[in-house]
């Protein structure tokens, strides 16, 4: 099984290719800081841990501890990050 740091590095590469700014914070646990595309300063901290329901490694929103997808499916992780950051940017623009 791939470890959390390697999974976050893979997600970081894919998010960078999608235009996001990312920074891996190495610690225990490691976190990936993801900042939005363009001038928006919205960002998220993403972690990676084993989901107790299936024993698989999953990406998760670090602050909320909400699972966002299996770490083995990086592409879906990128799509979910895009969706959440776009929704947050839209909310910010509406205020």
Protein backbone atom coordinates (compact mmCIF):
# COMPACT_ATOMS: atom_id res chain seq x y z
CA UNK A 1 0.00 0.00 0.00
CA UNK A 2 1.23 3.48 -0.87
CA UNK A 3 1.92 5.69 2.13
CA UNK A 4 0.18 8.99 2.92
CA UNK A 5 3.10 11.22 1.94
CA UNK A 6 3.53 9.57 -1.47
CA UNK A 7 -0.22 9.81 -2.11
CA UNK A 8 -0.23 13.50 -1.21
CA UNK A 9 2.79 14.10 -3.44
CA UNK A 10 0.92 12.44 -6.33
CA UNK A 11 -2.15 14.57 -5.65
CA UNK A 12 0.06 17.67 -5.46
CA UNK A 13 1.58 16.96 -8.88
CA UNK A 14 -1.86 16.49 -10.42
CA UNK A 15 -3.22 19.65 -8.79
CA UNK A 16 -0.18 21.65 -9.97
CA UNK A 17 -0.82 20.40 -13.52
CA UNK A 18 -4.43 21.61 -13.09
CA UNK A 19 -3.16 25.10 -12.19
CA UNK A 20 -3.32 25.04 -8.40
CA UNK A 21 -0.53 26.13 -6.08
CA UNK A 22 0.41 23.38 -3.66
CA UNK A 23 2.85 22.90 -0.82
CA UNK A 24 3.49 19.65 1.03
CA UNK A 25 3.89 20.18 4.76
CA UNK A 26 5.95 17.29 6.04
CA UNK A 27 4.95 16.32 9.53
CA UNK A 28 3.00 13.68 11.33
CA UNK A 29 0.64 13.50 9.57
CA UNK A 30 1.78 15.15 6.34
CA UNK A 31 -0.60 17.74 4.86
CA UNK A 32 -0.99 19.23 1.42
CA UNK A 33 -1.85 22.93 1.34
CA UNK A 34 -3.77 23.70 -1.84
CA UNK A 35 -4.41 27.28 -2.96
CA UNK A 36 -6.87 28.23 -5.67
CA UNK A 37 -6.24 29.02 -9.29
CA UNK A 38 -5.48 32.62 -10.25
CA UNK A 39 -5.68 35.45 -7.77
CA UNK A 40 -7.95 33.75 -5.26
CA UNK A 41 -6.32 33.11 -1.92
CA UNK A 42 -8.78 30.43 -0.88
CA UNK A 43 -7.09 27.26 0.16
CA UNK A 44 -7.52 23.92 1.84
CA UNK A 45 -5.44 21.53 3.88
CA UNK A 46 -5.70 17.96 2.65
CA UNK A 47 -4.54 14.96 4.61
CA UNK A 48 -4.44 11.26 3.83
CA UNK A 49 -5.38 8.43 6.18
CA UNK A 50 -6.90 4.98 6.32
CA UNK A 51 -10.68 4.90 6.22
CA UNK A 52 -11.78 2.53 9.00
CA UNK A 53 -14.79 1.41 6.94
CA UNK A 54 -12.78 -0.19 4.14
CA UNK A 55 -9.14 -0.17 5.29
CA UNK A 56 -8.09 1.86 2.22
CA UNK A 57 -6.06 5.06 2.16
CA UNK A 58 -8.28 8.11 1.47
CA UNK A 59 -7.70 11.83 0.95
CA UNK A 60 -9.55 13.97 3.46
CA UNK A 61 -10.21 17.62 4.26
CA UNK A 62 -7.92 18.00 7.26
CA UNK A 63 -9.93 20.50 9.28
CA UNK A 64 -13.30 18.82 8.86
CA UNK A 65 -11.96 15.25 8.73
CA UNK A 66 -14.30 14.59 5.80
CA UNK A 67 -13.15 11.93 3.34
CA UNK A 68 -13.07 13.17 -0.25
CA UNK A 69 -11.97 10.08 -2.14
CA UNK A 70 -9.65 7.11 -2.28
CA UNK A 71 -5.98 8.00 -2.57
CA UNK A 72 -5.70 5.47 -5.38
CA UNK A 73 -8.01 7.71 -7.49
CA UNK A 74 -6.00 10.92 -7.79
CA UNK A 75 -8.07 12.21 -10.71
CA UNK A 76 -11.27 12.18 -8.63
CA UNK A 77 -9.41 13.92 -5.81
CA UNK A 78 -8.39 16.71 -8.18
CA UNK A 79 -11.99 17.10 -9.39
CA UNK A 80 -13.32 17.33 -5.83
CA UNK A 81 -10.72 19.94 -4.85
CA UNK A 82 -11.62 21.98 -7.96
CA UNK A 83 -15.31 21.77 -7.10
CA UNK A 84 -14.91 22.83 -3.47
CA UNK A 85 -12.51 25.69 -4.15
CA UNK A 86 -14.69 26.98 -7.01
CA UNK A 87 -17.77 26.84 -4.78
CA UNK A 88 -15.92 28.75 -2.06
CA UNK A 89 -14.70 31.34 -4.59
CA UNK A 90 -18.28 31.78 -5.83
CA UNK A 91 -19.46 32.32 -2.24
CA UNK A 92 -16.73 34.89 -1.63
CA UNK A 93 -17.69 36.71 -4.84
CA UNK A 94 -21.36 36.81 -3.84
CA UNK A 95 -20.66 38.59 -0.54
